[in-house]
Amino acid sequence: MSEPRELHSTVICVQEGKILFVRKEAPVWSLPGGKLEPGEQPLEAARRELREETSLTLRNARHLGHHAYAMEEHYLYRMPVERSEVPRASGEIVECRWFTPVELVHVTVKPTNLDLLKRAGQIC
């Protein structure tokens, strides 16, 4: 019997055509988000993870769908971020940075996140 997939909530934060990414110690960038805690709903997890990783508050988020991969499933949300809102790395996150879609080809991004961005129509 196969292992159950990990459930994740992932948030695409967009500001003036740029997408917010976070980085832990490793040089790999990822979208804000993470695993659902037992009994937690996907939207609650998205709100919690976004706050924990970036200090941003989830608002005006649109659910973009549910995507399953071999080892994990993602509940995907998209949220516009006002220019006055400044993400701050917190907890295990060492850096938050905005990237244009073109800039993403020059950095290492978690492959699942690239696929989620493609499915959401954020990158080609």
PDB file of N, CA and C in Angstrom:
ATOM      1  N   MET A   1       0.837  -1.176   0.000  1.00  0.00           N
ATOM      2  CA  MET A   1       0.000   0.000   0.000  1.00  0.00           C
ATOM      3  C   MET A   1       0.886   1.245   0.000  1.00  0.00           C
ATOM      4  N   SER A   2       0.538   2.232  -0.791  1.00  0.00           N
ATOM      5  CA  SER A   2       1.373   3.425  -0.900  1.00  0.00           C
ATOM      6  C   SER A   2       1.118   4.382   0.261  1.00  0.00           C
ATOM      7  N   GLU A   3       2.130   5.195   0.534  1.00  0.00           N
ATOM      8  CA  GLU A   3       2.032   6.205   1.582  1.00  0.00           C
ATOM      9  C   GLU A   3       1.032   7.279   1.164  1.00  0.00           C
ATOM     10  N   PRO A   4       0.275   7.829   2.113  1.00  0.00           N
ATOM     11  CA  PRO A   4      -0.629   8.923   1.746  1.00  0.00           C
ATOM     12  C   PRO A   4       0.178  10.171   1.372  1.00  0.00           C
ATOM     13  N   ARG A   5      -0.359  10.940   0.456  1.00  0.00           N
ATOM     14  CA  ARG A   5       0.313  12.172   0.042  1.00  0.00           C
ATOM     15  C   ARG A   5       0.225  13.213   1.156  1.00  0.00           C
ATOM     16  N   GLU A   6       1.269  14.046   1.259  1.00  0.00           N
ATOM     17  CA  GLU A   6       1.235  15.176   2.179  1.00  0.00           C
ATOM     18  C   GLU A   6       0.299  16.228   1.602  1.00  0.00           C
ATOM     19  N   LEU A   7      -0.509  16.844   2.454  1.00  0.00           N
ATOM     20  CA  LEU A   7      -1.416  17.899   2.018  1.00  0.00           C
ATOM     21  C   LEU A   7      -0.790  19.258   2.307  1.00  0.00           C
ATOM     22  N   HIS A   8      -0.754  20.114   1.298  1.00  0.00           N
ATOM     23  CA  HIS A   8      -0.148  21.441   1.413  1.00  0.00           C
ATOM     24  C   HIS A   8      -1.131  22.514   0.975  1.00  0.00           C
ATOM     25  N   SER A   9      -0.996  23.693   1.552  1.00  0.00           N
ATOM     26  CA  SER A   9      -1.649  24.893   1.038  1.00  0.00           C
ATOM     27  C   SER A   9      -0.538  25.803   0.552  1.00  0.00           C
ATOM     28  N   THR A  10      -0.698  26.327  -0.649  1.00  0.00           N
ATOM     29  CA  THR A  10       0.330  27.144  -1.290  1.00  0.00           C
ATOM     30  C   THR A  10      -0.306  28.434  -1.777  1.00  0.00           C
ATOM     31  N   VAL A  11       0.405  29.557  -1.575  1.00  0.00           N
ATOM     32  CA  VAL A  11      -0.145  30.861  -1.934  1.00  0.00           C
ATOM     33  C   VAL A  11       0.749  31.552  -2.960  1.00  0.00           C
ATOM     34  N   ILE A  12       0.152  31.925  -4.084  1.00  0.00           N
ATOM     35  CA  ILE A  12       0.838  32.752  -5.079  1.00  0.00           C
ATOM     36  C   ILE A  12       0.501  34.196  -4.730  1.00  0.00           C
ATOM     37  N   CYS A  13       1.477  34.922  -4.197  1.00  0.00           N
ATOM     38  CA  CYS A  13       1.299  36.332  -3.862  1.00  0.00           C
ATOM     39  C   CYS A  13       1.821  37.156  -5.032  1.00  0.00           C
ATOM     40  N   VAL A  14       0.996  38.064  -5.540  1.00  0.00           N
ATOM     41  CA  VAL A  14       1.351  38.837  -6.726  1.00  0.00           C
ATOM     42  C   VAL A  14       1.302  40.327  -6.405  1.00  0.00           C
ATOM     43  N   GLN A  15       2.358  41.027  -6.836  1.00  0.00           N
ATOM     44  CA  GLN A  15       2.435  42.479  -6.653  1.00  0.00           C
ATOM     45  C   GLN A  15       3.091  43.088  -7.882  1.00  0.00           C
ATOM     46  N   GLU A  16       2.333  43.884  -8.614  1.00  0.00           N
ATOM     47  CA  GLU A  16       2.845  44.586  -9.792  1.00  0.00           C
ATOM     48  C   GLU A  16       3.580  43.651 -10.755  1.00  0.00           C
ATOM     49  N   GLY A  17       2.993  42.497 -11.027  1.00  0.00           N
ATOM     50  CA  GLY A  17       3.567  41.552 -11.974  1.00  0.00           C
ATOM     51  C   GLY A  17       4.671  40.669 -11.424  1.00  0.00           C
ATOM     52  N   LYS A  18       5.006  40.842 -10.156  1.00  0.00           N
ATOM     53  CA  LYS A  18       6.037  40.010  -9.528  1.00  0.00           C
ATOM     54  C   LYS A  18       5.383  39.006  -8.591  1.00  0.00           C
ATOM     55  N   ILE A  19       6.086  37.888  -8.374  1.00  0.00           N
ATOM     56  CA  ILE A  19       5.588  36.799  -7.540  1.00  0.00           C
ATOM     57  C   ILE A  19       6.507  36.658  -6.332  1.00  0.00           C
ATOM     58  N   LEU A  20       5.912  36.510  -5.154  1.00  0.00           N
ATOM     59  CA  LEU A  20       6.686  36.388  -3.924  1.00  0.00           C
ATOM     60  C   LEU A  20       7.173  34.955  -3.720  1.00  0.00           C
ATOM     61  N   PHE A  21       8.463  34.841  -3.419  1.00  0.00           N
ATOM     62  CA  PHE A  21       9.069  33.554  -3.080  1.00  0.00           C
ATOM     63  C   PHE A  21       9.775  33.675  -1.745  1.00  0.00           C
ATOM     64  N   VAL A  22       9.909  32.546  -1.065  1.00  0.00           N
ATOM     65  CA  VAL A  22      10.617  32.487   0.209  1.00  0.00           C
ATOM     66  C   VAL A  22      11.725  31.444   0.102  1.00  0.00           C
ATOM     67  N   ARG A  23      12.715  31.619   0.972  1.00  0.00           N
ATOM     68  CA  ARG A  23      13.851  30.693   0.956  1.00  0.00           C
ATOM     69  C   ARG A  23      14.236  30.354   2.384  1.00  0.00           C
ATOM     70  N   LYS A  24      14.454  29.054   2.609  1.00  0.00           N
ATOM     71  CA  LYS A  24      15.004  28.604   3.887  1.00  0.00           C
ATOM     72  C   LYS A  24      16.523  28.649   3.736  1.00  0.00           C
ATOM     73  N   GLU A  25      17.259  27.909   4.519  1.00  0.00           N
ATOM     74  CA  GLU A  25      18.728  27.907   4.429  1.00  0.00           C
ATOM     75  C   GLU A  25      19.233  27.439   3.069  1.00  0.00           C
ATOM     76  N   ALA A  26      18.578  26.461   2.479  1.00  0.00           N
ATOM     77  CA  ALA A  26      19.003  25.941   1.173  1.00  0.00           C
ATOM     78  C   ALA A  26      18.773  27.003   0.098  1.00  0.00           C
ATOM     79  N   PRO A  27      19.531  26.950  -0.984  1.00  0.00           N
ATOM     80  CA  PRO A  27      19.384  27.956  -2.045  1.00  0.00           C
ATOM     81  C   PRO A  27      18.224  27.671  -3.004  1.00  0.00           C
ATOM     82  N   VAL A  28      17.145  27.098  -2.483  1.00  0.00           N
ATOM     83  CA  VAL A  28      15.978  26.770  -3.307  1.00  0.00           C
ATOM     84  C   VAL A  28      14.827  27.680  -2.885  1.00  0.00           C
ATOM     85  N   TRP A  29      14.228  28.345  -3.865  1.00  0.00           N
ATOM     86  CA  TRP A  29      13.110  29.250  -3.617  1.00  0.00           C
ATOM     87  C   TRP A  29      11.797  28.490  -3.745  1.00  0.00           C
ATOM     88  N   SER A  30      10.820  28.880  -2.933  1.00  0.00           N
ATOM     89  CA  SER A  30       9.499  28.264  -3.028  1.00  0.00           C
ATOM     90  C   SER A  30       8.419  29.303  -2.758  1.00  0.00           C
ATOM     91  N   LEU A  31       7.213  28.983  -3.174  1.00  0.00           N
ATOM     92  CA  LEU A  31       6.068  29.829  -2.872  1.00  0.00           C
ATOM     93  C   LEU A  31       5.741  29.684  -1.391  1.00  0.00           C
ATOM     94  N   PRO A  32       5.204  30.725  -0.764  1.00  0.00           N
ATOM     95  CA  PRO A  32       4.802  30.587   0.638  1.00  0.00           C
ATOM     96  C   PRO A  32       3.744  29.495   0.786  1.00  0.00           C
ATOM     97  N   GLY A  33       3.860  28.737   1.848  1.00  0.00           N
ATOM     98  CA  GLY A  33       2.890  27.680   2.109  1.00  0.00           C
ATOM     99  C   GLY A  33       3.523  26.536   2.859  1.00  0.00           C
ATOM    100  N   GLY A  34       2.722  25.523   3.104  1.00  0.00           N
ATOM    101  CA  GLY A  34       3.252  24.375   3.820  1.00  0.00           C
ATOM    102  C   GLY A  34       2.176  23.350   4.121  1.00  0.00           C
ATOM    103  N   LYS A  35       2.543  22.401   4.965  1.00  0.00           N
ATOM    104  CA  LYS A  35       1.673  21.263   5.273  1.00  0.00           C
ATOM    105  C   LYS A  35       0.484  21.671   6.137  1.00  0.00           C
ATOM    106  N   LEU A  36      -0.632  21.015   5.879  1.00  0.00           N
ATOM    107  CA  LEU A  36      -1.807  21.181   6.723  1.00  0.00           C
ATOM    108  C   LEU A  36      -1.574  20.432   8.027  1.00  0.00           C
ATOM    109  N   GLU A  37      -1.982  21.044   9.126  1.00  0.00           N
ATOM    110  CA  GLU A  37      -1.927  20.375  10.415  1.00  0.00           C
ATOM    111  C   GLU A  37      -3.170  19.499  10.559  1.00  0.00           C
ATOM    112  N   PRO A  38      -3.128  18.465  11.413  1.00  0.00           N
ATOM    113  CA  PRO A  38      -4.293  17.587  11.577  1.00  0.00           C
ATOM    114  C   PRO A  38      -5.561  18.388  11.891  1.00  0.00           C
ATOM    115  N   GLY A  39      -6.623  18.133  11.126  1.00  0.00           N
ATOM    116  CA  GLY A  39      -7.897  18.804  11.333  1.00  0.00           C
ATOM    117  C   GLY A  39      -7.998  20.201  10.745  1.00  0.00           C
ATOM    118  N   GLU A  40      -6.923  20.702  10.172  1.00  0.00           N
ATOM    119  CA  GLU A  40      -6.898  22.058   9.629  1.00  0.00           C
ATOM    120  C   GLU A  40      -7.467  22.079   8.211  1.00  0.00           C
ATOM    121  N   GLN A  41      -8.234  23.096   7.902  1.00  0.00           N
ATOM    122  CA  GLN A  41      -8.776  23.282   6.563  1.00  0.00           C
ATOM    123  C   GLN A  41      -7.725  23.960   5.677  1.00  0.00           C
ATOM    124  N   PRO A  42      -7.756  23.732   4.364  1.00  0.00           N
ATOM    125  CA  PRO A  42      -6.750  24.313   3.470  1.00  0.00           C
ATOM    126  C   PRO A  42      -6.625  25.833   3.559  1.00  0.00           C
ATOM    127  N   LEU A  43      -7.742  26.552   3.622  1.00  0.00           N
ATOM    128  CA  LEU A  43      -7.674  28.011   3.710  1.00  0.00           C
ATOM    129  C   LEU A  43      -7.038  28.459   5.022  1.00  0.00           C
ATOM    130  N   GLU A  44      -7.348  27.762   6.105  1.00  0.00           N
ATOM    131  CA  GLU A  44      -6.733  28.057   7.401  1.00  0.00           C
ATOM    132  C   GLU A  44      -5.225  27.842   7.331  1.00  0.00           C
ATOM    133  N   ALA A  45      -4.805  26.762   6.695  1.00  0.00           N
ATOM    134  CA  ALA A  45      -3.374  26.467   6.566  1.00  0.00           C
ATOM    135  C   ALA A  45      -2.682  27.531   5.724  1.00  0.00           C
ATOM    136  N   ALA A  46      -3.325  27.959   4.647  1.00  0.00           N
ATOM    137  CA  ALA A  46      -2.744  29.011   3.804  1.00  0.00           C
ATOM    138  C   ALA A  46      -2.547  30.280   4.620  1.00  0.00           C
ATOM    139  N   ARG A  47      -3.550  30.651   5.402  1.00  0.00           N
ATOM    140  CA  ARG A  47      -3.474  31.852   6.249  1.00  0.00           C
ATOM    141  C   ARG A  47      -2.332  31.729   7.266  1.00  0.00           C
ATOM    142  N   ARG A  48      -2.266  30.584   7.941  1.00  0.00           N
ATOM    143  CA  ARG A  48      -1.241  30.364   8.965  1.00  0.00           C
ATOM    144  C   ARG A  48       0.160  30.371   8.368  1.00  0.00           C
ATOM    145  N   GLU A  49       0.354  29.613   7.294  1.00  0.00           N
ATOM    146  CA  GLU A  49       1.685  29.512   6.687  1.00  0.00           C
ATOM    147  C   GLU A  49       2.160  30.859   6.134  1.00  0.00           C
ATOM    148  N   LEU A  50       1.255  31.597   5.493  1.00  0.00           N
ATOM    149  CA  LEU A  50       1.638  32.901   4.950  1.00  0.00           C
ATOM    150  C   LEU A  50       2.080  33.830   6.067  1.00  0.00           C
ATOM    151  N   ARG A  51       1.341  33.843   7.158  1.00  0.00           N
ATOM    152  CA  ARG A  51       1.687  34.686   8.310  1.00  0.00           C
ATOM    153  C   ARG A  51       3.021  34.237   8.916  1.00  0.00           C
ATOM    154  N   GLU A  52       3.191  32.925   9.112  1.00  0.00           N
ATOM    155  CA  GLU A  52       4.419  32.406   9.723  1.00  0.00           C
ATOM    156  C   GLU A  52       5.649  32.709   8.878  1.00  0.00           C
ATOM    157  N   GLU A  53       5.527  32.581   7.566  1.00  0.00           N
ATOM    158  CA  GLU A  53       6.700  32.705   6.698  1.00  0.00           C
ATOM    159  C   GLU A  53       6.995  34.127   6.241  1.00  0.00           C
ATOM    160  N   THR A  54       5.952  34.968   6.115  1.00  0.00           N
ATOM    161  CA  THR A  54       6.156  36.293   5.508  1.00  0.00           C
ATOM    162  C   THR A  54       5.608  37.449   6.325  1.00  0.00           C
ATOM    163  N   SER A  55       4.887  37.165   7.389  1.00  0.00           N
ATOM    164  CA  SER A  55       4.189  38.167   8.204  1.00  0.00           C
ATOM    165  C   SER A  55       3.026  38.834   7.469  1.00  0.00           C
ATOM    166  N   LEU A  56       2.695  38.371   6.269  1.00  0.00           N
ATOM    167  CA  LEU A  56       1.562  38.929   5.525  1.00  0.00           C
ATOM    168  C   LEU A  56       0.260  38.277   5.997  1.00  0.00           C
ATOM    169  N   THR A  57      -0.825  39.025   5.878  1.00  0.00           N
ATOM    170  CA  THR A  57      -2.148  38.523   6.216  1.00  0.00           C
ATOM    171  C   THR A  57      -2.863  38.104   4.940  1.00  0.00           C
ATOM    172  N   LEU A  58      -3.399  36.904   4.943  1.00  0.00           N
ATOM    173  CA  LEU A  58      -4.129  36.403   3.779  1.00  0.00           C
ATOM    174  C   LEU A  58      -5.457  37.138   3.663  1.00  0.00           C
ATOM    175  N   ARG A  59      -5.673  37.817   2.526  1.00  0.00           N
ATOM    176  CA  ARG A  59      -6.946  38.486   2.265  1.00  0.00           C
ATOM    177  C   ARG A  59      -7.167  38.580   0.767  1.00  0.00           C
ATOM    178  N   ASN A  60      -8.413  38.598   0.385  1.00  0.00           N
ATOM    179  CA  ASN A  60      -8.785  38.649  -1.033  1.00  0.00           C
ATOM    180  C   ASN A  60      -8.149  37.512  -1.829  1.00  0.00           C
ATOM    181  N   ALA A  61      -7.968  36.374  -1.172  1.00  0.00           N
ATOM    182  CA  ALA A  61      -7.349  35.223  -1.839  1.00  0.00           C
ATOM    183  C   ALA A  61      -8.404  34.478  -2.651  1.00  0.00           C
ATOM    184  N   ARG A  62      -7.982  34.025  -3.802  1.00  0.00           N
ATOM    185  CA  ARG A  62      -8.864  33.250  -4.676  1.00  0.00           C
ATOM    186  C   ARG A  62      -8.330  31.817  -4.751  1.00  0.00           C
ATOM    187  N   HIS A  63      -9.214  30.855  -4.545  1.00  0.00           N
ATOM    188  CA  HIS A  63      -8.816  29.450  -4.637  1.00  0.00           C
ATOM    189  C   HIS A  63      -8.679  29.090  -6.110  1.00  0.00           C
ATOM    190  N   LEU A  64      -7.507  28.602  -6.500  1.00  0.00           N
ATOM    191  CA  LEU A  64      -7.240  28.270  -7.898  1.00  0.00           C
ATOM    192  C   LEU A  64      -7.379  26.792  -8.208  1.00  0.00           C
ATOM    193  N   GLY A  65      -7.532  25.976  -7.190  1.00  0.00           N
ATOM    194  CA  GLY A  65      -7.695  24.558  -7.449  1.00  0.00           C
ATOM    195  C   GLY A  65      -6.892  23.675  -6.516  1.00  0.00           C
ATOM    196  N   HIS A  66      -7.031  22.396  -6.766  1.00  0.00           N
ATOM    197  CA  HIS A  66      -6.375  21.352  -5.982  1.00  0.00           C
ATOM    198  C   HIS A  66      -5.574  20.510  -6.964  1.00  0.00           C
ATOM    199  N   HIS A  67      -4.284  20.361  -6.719  1.00  0.00           N
ATOM    200  CA  HIS A  67      -3.406  19.654  -7.650  1.00  0.00           C
ATOM    201  C   HIS A  67      -2.667  18.538  -6.921  1.00  0.00           C
ATOM    202  N   ALA A  68      -2.737  17.330  -7.480  1.00  0.00           N
ATOM    203  CA  ALA A  68      -2.099  16.164  -6.872  1.00  0.00           C
ATOM    204  C   ALA A  68      -0.845  15.774  -7.636  1.00  0.00           C
ATOM    205  N   TYR A  69       0.196  15.472  -6.888  1.00  0.00           N
ATOM    206  CA  TYR A  69       1.469  14.992  -7.430  1.00  0.00           C
ATOM    207  C   TYR A  69       1.765  13.638  -6.781  1.00  0.00           C
ATOM    208  N   ALA A  70       2.870  13.028  -7.135  1.00  0.00           N
ATOM    209  CA  ALA A  70       3.198  11.697  -6.623  1.00  0.00           C
ATOM    210  C   ALA A  70       3.266  11.653  -5.095  1.00  0.00           C
ATOM    211  N   MET A  71       3.893  12.649  -4.484  1.00  0.00           N
ATOM    212  CA  MET A  71       4.124  12.620  -3.041  1.00  0.00           C
ATOM    213  C   MET A  71       3.310  13.641  -2.255  1.00  0.00           C
ATOM    214  N   GLU A  72       2.708  14.619  -2.930  1.00  0.00           N
ATOM    215  CA  GLU A  72       2.007  15.677  -2.217  1.00  0.00           C
ATOM    216  C   GLU A  72       0.834  16.219  -3.023  1.00  0.00           C
ATOM    217  N   GLU A  73      -0.081  16.860  -2.310  1.00  0.00           N
ATOM    218  CA  GLU A  73      -1.217  17.532  -2.929  1.00  0.00           C
ATOM    219  C   GLU A  73      -1.181  18.992  -2.494  1.00  0.00           C
ATOM    220  N   HIS A  74      -1.555  19.885  -3.408  1.00  0.00           N
ATOM    221  CA  HIS A  74      -1.535  21.318  -3.105  1.00  0.00           C
ATOM    222  C   HIS A  74      -2.903  21.940  -3.324  1.00  0.00           C
ATOM    223  N   TYR A  75      -3.364  22.678  -2.314  1.00  0.00           N
ATOM    224  CA  TYR A  75      -4.516  23.556  -2.454  1.00  0.00           C
ATOM    225  C   TYR A  75      -3.912  24.912  -2.787  1.00  0.00           C
ATOM    226  N   LEU A  76      -4.201  25.406  -3.967  1.00  0.00           N
ATOM    227  CA  LEU A  76      -3.521  26.589  -4.482  1.00  0.00           C
ATOM    228  C   LEU A  76      -4.409  27.824  -4.389  1.00  0.00           C
ATOM    229  N   TYR A  77      -3.820  28.910  -3.880  1.00  0.00           N
ATOM    230  CA  TYR A  77      -4.504  30.195  -3.743  1.00  0.00           C
ATOM    231  C   TYR A  77      -3.668  31.282  -4.414  1.00  0.00           C
ATOM    232  N   ARG A  78      -4.352  32.333  -4.863  1.00  0.00           N
ATOM    233  CA  ARG A  78      -3.675  33.506  -5.436  1.00  0.00           C
ATOM    234  C   ARG A  78      -4.168  34.721  -4.676  1.00  0.00           C
ATOM    235  N   MET A  79      -3.216  35.585  -4.287  1.00  0.00           N
ATOM    236  CA  MET A  79      -3.561  36.760  -3.507  1.00  0.00           C
ATOM    237  C   MET A  79      -2.825  37.984  -4.026  1.00  0.00           C
ATOM    238  N   PRO A  80      -3.553  39.067  -4.342  1.00  0.00           N
ATOM    239  CA  PRO A  80      -2.869  40.308  -4.686  1.00  0.00           C
ATOM    240  C   PRO A  80      -2.304  40.935  -3.409  1.00  0.00           C
ATOM    241  N   VAL A  81      -1.128  41.529  -3.524  1.00  0.00           N
ATOM    242  CA  VAL A  81      -0.490  42.174  -2.377  1.00  0.00           C
ATOM    243  C   VAL A  81      -0.287  43.644  -2.719  1.00  0.00           C
ATOM    244  N   GLU A  82      -0.786  44.517  -1.857  1.00  0.00           N
ATOM    245  CA  GLU A  82      -0.635  45.959  -2.063  1.00  0.00           C
ATOM    246  C   GLU A  82       0.833  46.355  -1.934  1.00  0.00           C
ATOM    247  N   ARG A  83       1.184  47.424  -2.616  1.00  0.00           N
ATOM    248  CA  ARG A  83       2.571  47.902  -2.577  1.00  0.00           C
ATOM    249  C   ARG A  83       2.997  48.279  -1.156  1.00  0.00           C
ATOM    250  N   SER A  84       2.035  48.724  -0.356  1.00  0.00           N
ATOM    251  CA  SER A  84       2.346  49.135   1.018  1.00  0.00           C
ATOM    252  C   SER A  84       2.637  47.947   1.939  1.00  0.00           C
ATOM    253  N   GLU A  85       2.274  46.749   1.509  1.00  0.00           N
ATOM    254  CA  GLU A  85       2.514  45.555   2.319  1.00  0.00           C
ATOM    255  C   GLU A  85       3.903  45.002   2.016  1.00  0.00           C
ATOM    256  N   VAL A  86       4.716  44.888   3.046  1.00  0.00           N
ATOM    257  CA  VAL A  86       6.095  44.432   2.869  1.00  0.00           C
ATOM    258  C   VAL A  86       6.280  43.096   3.588  1.00  0.00           C
ATOM    259  N   PRO A  87       6.579  42.035   2.839  1.00  0.00           N
ATOM    260  CA  PRO A  87       6.812  40.742   3.496  1.00  0.00           C
ATOM    261  C   PRO A  87       8.117  40.761   4.287  1.00  0.00           C
ATOM    262  N   ARG A  88       8.100  40.087   5.434  1.00  0.00           N
ATOM    263  CA  ARG A  88       9.293  39.969   6.270  1.00  0.00           C
ATOM    264  C   ARG A  88       9.523  38.499   6.580  1.00  0.00           C
ATOM    265  N   ALA A  89      10.729  38.050   6.334  1.00  0.00           N
ATOM    266  CA  ALA A  89      11.078  36.661   6.638  1.00  0.00           C
ATOM    267  C   ALA A  89      10.951  36.430   8.139  1.00  0.00           C
ATOM    268  N   SER A  90      10.366  35.305   8.497  1.00  0.00           N
ATOM    269  CA  SER A  90      10.250  34.972   9.909  1.00  0.00           C
ATOM    270  C   SER A  90      10.288  33.460  10.072  1.00  0.00           C
ATOM    271  N   GLY A  91      10.572  33.041  11.283  1.00  0.00           N
ATOM    272  CA  GLY A  91      10.655  31.609  11.554  1.00  0.00           C
ATOM    273  C   GLY A  91      11.816  30.980  10.815  1.00  0.00           C
ATOM    274  N   GLU A  92      11.533  29.896  10.097  1.00  0.00           N
ATOM    275  CA  GLU A  92      12.585  29.170   9.388  1.00  0.00           C
ATOM    276  C   GLU A  92      12.954  29.815   8.056  1.00  0.00           C
ATOM    277  N   ILE A  93      12.235  30.850   7.654  1.00  0.00           N
ATOM    278  CA  ILE A  93      12.500  31.538   6.389  1.00  0.00           C
ATOM    279  C   ILE A  93      13.610  32.559   6.602  1.00  0.00           C
ATOM    280  N   VAL A  94      14.623  32.532   5.740  1.00  0.00           N
ATOM    281  CA  VAL A  94      15.728  33.478   5.866  1.00  0.00           C
ATOM    282  C   VAL A  94      15.614  34.639   4.887  1.00  0.00           C
ATOM    283  N   GLU A  95      14.778  34.495   3.859  1.00  0.00           N
ATOM    284  CA  GLU A  95      14.655  35.571   2.877  1.00  0.00           C
ATOM    285  C   GLU A  95      13.328  35.480   2.132  1.00  0.00           C
ATOM    286  N   CYS A  96      12.733  36.652   1.900  1.00  0.00           N
ATOM    287  CA  CYS A  96      11.554  36.796   1.038  1.00  0.00           C
ATOM    288  C   CYS A  96      11.985  37.687  -0.115  1.00  0.00           C
ATOM    289  N   ARG A  97      11.567  37.336  -1.326  1.00  0.00           N
ATOM    290  CA  ARG A  97      11.957  38.158  -2.477  1.00  0.00           C
ATOM    291  C   ARG A  97      10.897  38.074  -3.572  1.00  0.00           C
ATOM    292  N   TRP A  98      10.692  39.207  -4.241  1.00  0.00           N
ATOM    293  CA  TRP A  98       9.782  39.278  -5.386  1.00  0.00           C
ATOM    294  C   TRP A  98      10.564  38.988  -6.654  1.00  0.00           C
ATOM    295  N   PHE A  99      10.013  38.152  -7.527  1.00  0.00           N
ATOM    296  CA  PHE A  99      10.637  37.825  -8.812  1.00  0.00           C
ATOM    297  C   PHE A  99       9.633  38.058  -9.934  1.00  0.00           C
ATOM    298  N   THR A 100      10.134  38.564 -11.059  1.00  0.00           N
ATOM    299  CA  THR A 100       9.310  38.581 -12.262  1.00  0.00           C
ATOM    300  C   THR A 100       9.365  37.173 -12.841  1.00  0.00           C
ATOM    301  N   PRO A 101       8.405  36.795 -13.675  1.00  0.00           N
ATOM    302  CA  PRO A 101       8.474  35.467 -14.297  1.00  0.00           C
ATOM    303  C   PRO A 101       9.781  35.243 -15.059  1.00  0.00           C
ATOM    304  N   VAL A 102      10.317  36.266 -15.687  1.00  0.00           N
ATOM    305  CA  VAL A 102      11.569  36.142 -16.448  1.00  0.00           C
ATOM    306  C   VAL A 102      12.745  35.851 -15.514  1.00  0.00           C
ATOM    307  N   GLU A 103      12.758  36.461 -14.346  1.00  0.00           N
ATOM    308  CA  GLU A 103      13.859  36.262 -13.397  1.00  0.00           C
ATOM    309  C   GLU A 103      13.904  34.842 -12.839  1.00  0.00           C
ATOM    310  N   LEU A 104      12.794  34.143 -12.870  1.00  0.00           N
ATOM    311  CA  LEU A 104      12.744  32.795 -12.295  1.00  0.00           C
ATOM    312  C   LEU A 104      13.644  31.803 -13.010  1.00  0.00           C
ATOM    313  N   VAL A 105      13.988  32.060 -14.259  1.00  0.00           N
ATOM    314  CA  VAL A 105      14.874  31.135 -14.980  1.00  0.00           C
ATOM    315  C   VAL A 105      16.306  31.213 -14.463  1.00  0.00           C
ATOM    316  N   HIS A 106      16.626  32.248 -13.677  1.00  0.00           N
ATOM    317  CA  HIS A 106      17.993  32.439 -13.184  1.00  0.00           C
ATOM    318  C   HIS A 106      18.198  31.962 -11.746  1.00  0.00           C
ATOM    319  N   VAL A 107      17.142  31.434 -11.126  1.00  0.00           N
ATOM    320  CA  VAL A 107      17.257  30.947  -9.748  1.00  0.00           C
ATOM    321  C   VAL A 107      16.700  29.526  -9.667  1.00  0.00           C
ATOM    322  N   THR A 108      17.026  28.838  -8.587  1.00  0.00           N
ATOM    323  CA  THR A 108      16.522  27.482  -8.381  1.00  0.00           C
ATOM    324  C   THR A 108      15.189  27.556  -7.646  1.00  0.00           C
ATOM    325  N   VAL A 109      14.155  27.024  -8.277  1.00  0.00           N
ATOM    326  CA  VAL A 109      12.805  27.029  -7.709  1.00  0.00           C
ATOM    327  C   VAL A 109      12.345  25.584  -7.567  1.00  0.00           C
ATOM    328  N   LYS A 110      11.656  25.307  -6.483  1.00  0.00           N
ATOM    329  CA  LYS A 110      11.096  23.974  -6.257  1.00  0.00           C
ATOM    330  C   LYS A 110      10.273  23.576  -7.486  1.00  0.00           C
ATOM    331  N   PRO A 111      10.580  22.435  -8.131  1.00  0.00           N
ATOM    332  CA  PRO A 111       9.896  22.036  -9.366  1.00  0.00           C
ATOM    333  C   PRO A 111       8.370  21.995  -9.265  1.00  0.00           C
ATOM    334  N   THR A 112       7.857  21.513  -8.147  1.00  0.00           N
ATOM    335  CA  THR A 112       6.403  21.479  -7.976  1.00  0.00           C
ATOM    336  C   THR A 112       5.819  22.886  -8.057  1.00  0.00           C
ATOM    337  N   ASN A 113       6.529  23.855  -7.480  1.00  0.00           N
ATOM    338  CA  ASN A 113       6.043  25.232  -7.504  1.00  0.00           C
ATOM    339  C   ASN A 113       6.038  25.808  -8.908  1.00  0.00           C
ATOM    340  N   LEU A 114       7.036  25.457  -9.713  1.00  0.00           N
ATOM    341  CA  LEU A 114       7.031  25.909 -11.111  1.00  0.00           C
ATOM    342  C   LEU A 114       5.812  25.353 -11.841  1.00  0.00           C
ATOM    343  N   ASP A 115       5.498  24.089 -11.590  1.00  0.00           N
ATOM    344  CA  ASP A 115       4.334  23.490 -12.228  1.00  0.00           C
ATOM    345  C   ASP A 115       3.044  24.168 -11.765  1.00  0.00           C
ATOM    346  N   LEU A 116       2.944  24.476 -10.480  1.00  0.00           N
ATOM    347  CA  LEU A 116       1.760  25.168  -9.971  1.00  0.00           C
ATOM    348  C   LEU A 116       1.603  26.537 -10.628  1.00  0.00           C
ATOM    349  N   LEU A 117       2.715  27.248 -10.809  1.00  0.00           N
ATOM    350  CA  LEU A 117       2.660  28.558 -11.473  1.00  0.00           C
ATOM    351  C   LEU A 117       2.199  28.424 -12.919  1.00  0.00           C
ATOM    352  N   LYS A 118       2.657  27.378 -13.593  1.00  0.00           N
ATOM    353  CA  LYS A 118       2.213  27.137 -14.973  1.00  0.00           C
ATOM    354  C   LYS A 118       0.722  26.835 -15.010  1.00  0.00           C
ATOM    355  N   ARG A 119       0.265  25.982 -14.116  1.00  0.00           N
ATOM    356  CA  ARG A 119      -1.159  25.635 -14.068  1.00  0.00           C
ATOM    357  C   ARG A 119      -2.025  26.858 -13.768  1.00  0.00           C
ATOM    358  N   ALA A 120      -1.465  27.798 -13.007  1.00  0.00           N
ATOM    359  CA  ALA A 120      -2.204  29.013 -12.646  1.00  0.00           C
ATOM    360  C   ALA A 120      -2.098  30.095 -13.715  1.00  0.00           C
ATOM    361  N   GLY A 121      -1.304  29.828 -14.758  1.00  0.00           N
ATOM    362  CA  GLY A 121      -1.146  30.809 -15.825  1.00  0.00           C
ATOM    363  C   GLY A 121      -0.244  31.972 -15.471  1.00  0.00           C
ATOM    364  N   GLN A 122       0.579  31.814 -14.433  1.00  0.00           N
ATOM    365  CA  GLN A 122       1.485  32.885 -14.016  1.00  0.00           C
ATOM    366  C   GLN A 122       2.783  32.891 -14.814  1.00  0.00           C
ATOM    367  N   ILE A 123       3.190  31.716 -15.310  1.00  0.00           N
ATOM    368  CA  ILE A 123       4.381  31.604 -16.149  1.00  0.00           C
ATOM    369  C   ILE A 123       4.060  30.660 -17.303  1.00  0.00           C
ATOM    370  N   CYS A 124       4.898  30.713 -18.330  1.00  0.00           N
ATOM    371  CA  CYS A 124       4.699  29.831 -19.497  1.00  0.00           C
ATOM    372  C   CYS A 124       5.483  28.549 -19.349  1.00  0.00           C
TER     373      CYS A 124
END
